[in-house]
Amino acid sequence: MEIPDQWVGALLVSLIILVLGQFLMSYRAFYQHKEEVRNLMDAKTENIAKSIENWNIKNENCSIRIDTANARLESFESKQDQANKEIWTRMDQVERRLQDRLSHLKEDILVLQTTSEMLKKAGLRESEDTYKKQGGDM
């Protein structure tokens, strides 16, 4: 049995068309898959970018809170230093006042002792004079 040349030609053309069709379908499927992968990667990249952005925002907020806490701490330390200086200044003033009052008190005691001795001597002289006037011996 002999196969006509037309059939062989048609069979070859059909085979070539089938191979080309398969090639085109594979090519199209490859590029569709490539596009799907690209879209998936873009979505993943966008999600990662959003996550990083959110992390950066949280990090910035934490940094701001830390800076605020540091500023408050420095302010507190400054106020504490100022309060310490004021306390020492007041203590020095109180000490000076006490020293002044103590020296005045010592002067007053010295004056009182001197006055007391003078009064004692004056009192003894008067009593001696009185005794002599009354006729006593001394």
Protein backbone atom coordinates (compact mmCIF):
# COMPACT_ATOMS: atom_id res chain seq x y z
CA MET A 1 0.00 0.00 0.00
CA GLU A 2 1.21 3.22 -1.00
CA ILE A 3 0.59 6.52 0.86
CA PRO A 4 -0.04 9.38 -1.45
CA ASP A 5 2.45 12.20 -1.37
CA GLN A 6 -0.28 14.64 -0.51
CA TRP A 7 -1.06 12.82 2.66
CA VAL A 8 2.58 12.68 3.60
CA GLY A 9 2.85 16.40 2.92
CA ALA A 10 -0.33 17.07 4.87
CA LEU A 11 0.88 14.86 7.70
CA LEU A 12 4.23 16.68 7.77
CA VAL A 13 2.52 20.07 7.68
CA SER A 14 0.14 18.93 10.44
CA LEU A 15 3.05 17.66 12.47
CA ILE A 16 4.93 20.91 11.98
CA ILE A 17 1.79 22.89 12.92
CA LEU A 18 1.31 20.70 16.02
CA VAL A 19 4.95 21.19 17.05
CA LEU A 20 4.69 24.94 16.43
CA GLY A 21 1.39 25.05 18.33
CA GLN A 22 2.94 23.12 21.22
CA PHE A 23 5.94 25.45 21.12
CA LEU A 24 3.67 28.52 21.16
CA MET A 25 1.58 27.13 24.01
CA SER A 26 4.72 26.27 26.00
CA TYR A 27 6.17 29.70 25.27
CA ARG A 28 2.91 31.36 26.36
CA ALA A 29 2.69 29.21 29.51
CA PHE A 30 6.30 30.04 30.35
CA TYR A 31 5.70 33.78 30.07
CA GLN A 32 2.41 33.51 31.98
CA HIS A 33 4.20 31.65 34.76
CA LYS A 34 7.03 34.18 34.60
CA GLU A 35 4.48 37.02 34.97
CA GLU A 36 2.77 35.24 37.88
CA VAL A 37 6.13 34.76 39.60
CA ARG A 38 7.00 38.40 38.94
CA ASN A 39 3.66 39.53 40.42
CA LEU A 40 4.16 37.26 43.42
CA MET A 41 7.68 38.61 43.94
CA ASP A 42 6.41 42.18 43.60
CA ALA A 43 3.73 41.48 46.22
CA LYS A 44 6.29 39.87 48.55
CA THR A 45 8.71 42.75 47.99
CA GLU A 46 5.94 45.26 48.71
CA ASN A 47 5.01 43.38 51.91
CA ILE A 48 8.64 43.33 52.99
CA ALA A 49 8.97 47.05 52.21
CA LYS A 50 5.84 47.79 54.29
CA SER A 51 7.17 45.66 57.13
CA ILE A 52 10.50 47.47 57.03
CA GLU A 53 8.70 50.82 56.92
CA ASN A 54 6.56 49.84 59.92
CA TRP A 55 9.66 48.64 61.74
CA ASN A 56 11.42 51.92 60.96
CA ILE A 57 8.43 53.87 62.29
CA LYS A 58 8.40 51.79 65.47
CA ASN A 59 12.15 52.20 65.79
CA GLU A 60 11.84 55.96 65.34
CA ASN A 61 9.07 56.09 67.96
CA CYS A 62 11.28 54.13 70.36
CA SER A 63 14.16 56.48 69.65
CA ILE A 64 11.93 59.47 70.34
CA ARG A 65 10.78 57.90 73.61
CA ILE A 66 14.36 57.15 74.60
CA ASP A 67 15.40 60.72 73.76
CA THR A 68 12.47 62.05 75.79
CA ALA A 69 13.38 59.83 78.72
CA ASN A 70 17.03 60.95 78.48
CA ALA A 71 15.97 64.61 78.37
CA ARG A 72 13.77 64.10 81.43
CA LEU A 73 16.59 62.32 83.22
CA GLU A 74 19.04 65.10 82.37
CA SER A 75 16.52 67.68 83.53
CA PHE A 76 16.00 65.76 86.76
CA GLU A 77 19.76 65.46 87.28
CA SER A 78 20.15 69.17 86.61
CA LYS A 79 17.40 69.98 89.10
CA GLN A 80 18.94 67.60 91.61
CA ASP A 81 22.36 69.26 91.17
CA GLN A 82 20.77 72.68 91.61
CA ALA A 83 18.90 71.50 94.72
CA ASN A 84 22.14 70.08 96.14
CA LYS A 85 23.92 73.38 95.50
CA GLU A 86 21.08 75.28 97.17
CA ILE A 87 21.13 72.93 100.16
CA TRP A 88 24.89 73.37 100.58
CA THR A 89 24.58 77.12 100.18
CA ARG A 90 21.85 77.20 102.84
CA MET A 91 23.91 74.96 105.11
CA ASP A 92 26.87 77.31 104.73
CA GLN A 93 24.63 80.29 105.55
CA VAL A 94 23.21 78.51 108.59
CA GLU A 95 26.73 77.57 109.72
CA ARG A 96 27.92 81.16 109.32
CA ARG A 97 24.90 82.46 111.26
CA LEU A 98 25.52 79.93 114.01
CA GLN A 99 29.21 80.88 114.14
CA ASP A 100 28.24 84.58 114.31
CA ARG A 101 25.69 83.92 117.04
CA LEU A 102 28.17 81.74 118.91
CA SER A 103 30.81 84.48 118.80
CA HIS A 104 28.21 87.03 119.96
CA LEU A 105 27.17 84.66 122.69
CA LYS A 106 30.82 84.25 123.77
CA GLU A 107 31.19 88.04 123.82
CA ASP A 108 27.98 88.36 125.83
CA ILE A 109 29.18 85.72 128.30
CA LEU A 110 32.53 87.50 128.64
CA VAL A 111 30.71 90.79 129.24
CA LEU A 112 28.45 89.11 131.79
CA GLN A 113 31.43 87.51 133.55
CA THR A 114 33.24 90.83 133.63
CA THR A 115 30.11 92.60 134.84
CA SER A 116 29.52 89.90 137.44
CA GLU A 117 33.08 90.19 138.71
CA MET A 118 32.79 93.97 138.85
CA LEU A 119 29.49 93.75 140.68
CA LYS A 120 30.96 91.23 143.05
CA LYS A 121 33.93 93.48 143.76
CA ALA A 122 31.69 96.50 144.08
CA GLY A 123 29.39 94.55 146.35
CA LEU A 124 32.28 93.41 148.53
CA ARG A 125 33.62 96.95 148.79
CA GLU A 126 30.24 98.31 149.72
CA SER A 127 29.71 95.63 152.29
CA GLU A 128 33.21 96.28 153.60
CA ASP A 129 32.50 100.00 153.80
CA THR A 130 29.19 99.28 155.48
CA TYR A 131 30.85 96.97 157.95
CA LYS A 132 33.49 99.56 158.81
CA LYS A 133 30.84 102.24 159.26
CA GLN A 134 29.00 100.01 161.63
CA GLY A 135 32.16 99.74 163.64
CA GLY A 136 33.50 96.37 162.69
CA ASP A 137 37.05 95.32 162.16
CA MET A 138 38.38 94.18 158.94
